[in-house]
């Protein structure tokens, strides 16, 4: 297992080394989750849920006008 060091700032922010950011596609705004593991802390990128990332992809694609217009209606 490769070990790479990061730095914690005086404000408690963690600097993730660029090699790891590139490898795991972590960029500004990427959310991470911290998991307590046996001998330390695991840090994992948290990618958007597929359902959340798909929200709104059909907007404006020819749906019946009353459905697009009435977005707040209850669907039973």
C-alpha atoms as a PDB file:
ATOM      1  CA  UNK A   1       0.000   0.000   0.000  1.00  0.00           C
ATOM      2  CA  UNK A   2       1.389   3.377  -1.032  1.00  0.00           C
ATOM      3  CA  UNK A   3       1.672   6.015   1.691  1.00  0.00           C
ATOM      4  CA  UNK A   4       1.399   9.695   0.837  1.00  0.00           C
ATOM      5  CA  UNK A   5       1.336  12.462   3.425  1.00  0.00           C
ATOM      6  CA  UNK A   6      -1.055  15.388   3.511  1.00  0.00           C
ATOM      7  CA  UNK A   7      -1.154  18.471   5.720  1.00  0.00           C
ATOM      8  CA  UNK A   8      -3.764  19.695   8.187  1.00  0.00           C
ATOM      9  CA  UNK A   9      -3.926  23.503   8.350  1.00  0.00           C
ATOM     10  CA  UNK A  10      -4.399  25.606  11.476  1.00  0.00           C
ATOM     11  CA  UNK A  11      -8.110  25.771  10.591  1.00  0.00           C
ATOM     12  CA  UNK A  12      -8.374  21.971  10.552  1.00  0.00           C
ATOM     13  CA  UNK A  13      -8.540  21.745   6.750  1.00  0.00           C
ATOM     14  CA  UNK A  14      -6.911  18.749   5.101  1.00  0.00           C
ATOM     15  CA  UNK A  15      -4.712  19.216   2.036  1.00  0.00           C
ATOM     16  CA  UNK A  16      -5.015  16.158  -0.218  1.00  0.00           C
ATOM     17  CA  UNK A  17      -1.880  15.640  -2.315  1.00  0.00           C
ATOM     18  CA  UNK A  18      -2.339  16.279  -6.051  1.00  0.00           C
ATOM     19  CA  UNK A  19      -1.340  12.713  -6.952  1.00  0.00           C
ATOM     20  CA  UNK A  20      -4.317  11.388  -4.983  1.00  0.00           C
ATOM     21  CA  UNK A  21      -6.687  14.115  -6.225  1.00  0.00           C
ATOM     22  CA  UNK A  22      -5.867  13.147  -9.817  1.00  0.00           C
ATOM     23  CA  UNK A  23      -6.106   9.399  -9.166  1.00  0.00           C
ATOM     24  CA  UNK A  24      -9.524   9.666  -7.515  1.00  0.00           C
ATOM     25  CA  UNK A  25     -10.913  12.525  -9.602  1.00  0.00           C
ATOM     26  CA  UNK A  26     -11.189  14.904  -6.644  1.00  0.00           C
ATOM     27  CA  UNK A  27     -11.529  18.571  -7.532  1.00  0.00           C
ATOM     28  CA  UNK A  28     -12.735  21.739  -5.832  1.00  0.00           C
ATOM     29  CA  UNK A  29     -16.183  21.126  -4.395  1.00  0.00           C
ATOM     30  CA  UNK A  30     -15.901  17.320  -4.258  1.00  0.00           C
ATOM     31  CA  UNK A  31     -17.465  16.144  -1.012  1.00  0.00           C
ATOM     32  CA  UNK A  32     -15.593  13.582   1.041  1.00  0.00           C
ATOM     33  CA  UNK A  33     -16.640  11.315   3.871  1.00  0.00           C
ATOM     34  CA  UNK A  34     -14.556  10.424   6.885  1.00  0.00           C
ATOM     35  CA  UNK A  35     -14.847   6.918   8.316  1.00  0.00           C
ATOM     36  CA  UNK A  36     -13.361   5.812  11.625  1.00  0.00           C
ATOM     37  CA  UNK A  37     -11.394   2.622  10.941  1.00  0.00           C
ATOM     38  CA  UNK A  38      -9.463   0.370  13.299  1.00  0.00           C
ATOM     39  CA  UNK A  39      -6.206   2.310  13.378  1.00  0.00           C
ATOM     40  CA  UNK A  40      -7.127   5.720  12.021  1.00  0.00           C
ATOM     41  CA  UNK A  41      -9.433   7.588   9.660  1.00  0.00           C
ATOM     42  CA  UNK A  42     -10.452   6.644   6.117  1.00  0.00           C
ATOM     43  CA  UNK A  43     -11.148   9.532   3.727  1.00  0.00           C
ATOM     44  CA  UNK A  44     -13.300   8.714   0.697  1.00  0.00           C
ATOM     45  CA  UNK A  45     -14.636  10.875  -2.139  1.00  0.00           C
ATOM     46  CA  UNK A  46     -18.419  11.008  -2.094  1.00  0.00           C
ATOM     47  CA  UNK A  47     -19.741  11.023  -5.641  1.00  0.00           C
ATOM     48  CA  UNK A  48     -23.267  12.199  -6.437  1.00  0.00           C
ATOM     49  CA  UNK A  49     -25.990   9.587  -6.185  1.00  0.00           C
ATOM     50  CA  UNK A  50     -27.126   8.507  -9.615  1.00  0.00           C
ATOM     51  CA  UNK A  51     -30.712   9.552  -8.816  1.00  0.00           C
ATOM     52  CA  UNK A  52     -29.672  13.044  -7.689  1.00  0.00           C
ATOM     53  CA  UNK A  53     -27.362  13.522 -10.663  1.00  0.00           C
ATOM     54  CA  UNK A  54     -30.193  12.600 -13.072  1.00  0.00           C
ATOM     55  CA  UNK A  55     -32.593  15.176 -11.631  1.00  0.00           C
ATOM     56  CA  UNK A  56     -33.931  17.492 -14.307  1.00  0.00           C
ATOM     57  CA  UNK A  57     -32.377  15.781 -17.349  1.00  0.00           C
ATOM     58  CA  UNK A  58     -35.761  15.464 -19.070  1.00  0.00           C
ATOM     59  CA  UNK A  59     -36.806  19.093 -18.552  1.00  0.00           C
ATOM     60  CA  UNK A  60     -37.960  20.683 -21.773  1.00  0.00           C
ATOM     61  CA  UNK A  61     -37.875  17.506 -23.870  1.00  0.00           C
ATOM     62  CA  UNK A  62     -41.438  17.591 -25.111  1.00  0.00           C
ATOM     63  CA  UNK A  63     -43.315  16.508 -22.013  1.00  0.00           C
ATOM     64  CA  UNK A  64     -46.981  17.481 -21.947  1.00  0.00           C
ATOM     65  CA  UNK A  65     -47.181  21.205 -21.099  1.00  0.00           C
ATOM     66  CA  UNK A  66     -49.417  20.673 -18.060  1.00  0.00           C
ATOM     67  CA  UNK A  67     -46.796  18.413 -16.436  1.00  0.00           C
ATOM     68  CA  UNK A  68     -43.955  20.891 -16.934  1.00  0.00           C
ATOM     69  CA  UNK A  69     -46.114  23.819 -15.846  1.00  0.00           C
ATOM     70  CA  UNK A  70     -47.409  22.130 -12.664  1.00  0.00           C
ATOM     71  CA  UNK A  71     -44.194  20.854 -11.092  1.00  0.00           C
ATOM     72  CA  UNK A  72     -45.567  21.149  -7.536  1.00  0.00           C
ATOM     73  CA  UNK A  73     -48.610  18.887  -8.050  1.00  0.00           C
ATOM     74  CA  UNK A  74     -49.009  15.660  -6.081  1.00  0.00           C
ATOM     75  CA  UNK A  75     -48.505  12.463  -8.007  1.00  0.00           C
ATOM     76  CA  UNK A  76     -50.625   9.626  -6.626  1.00  0.00           C
END
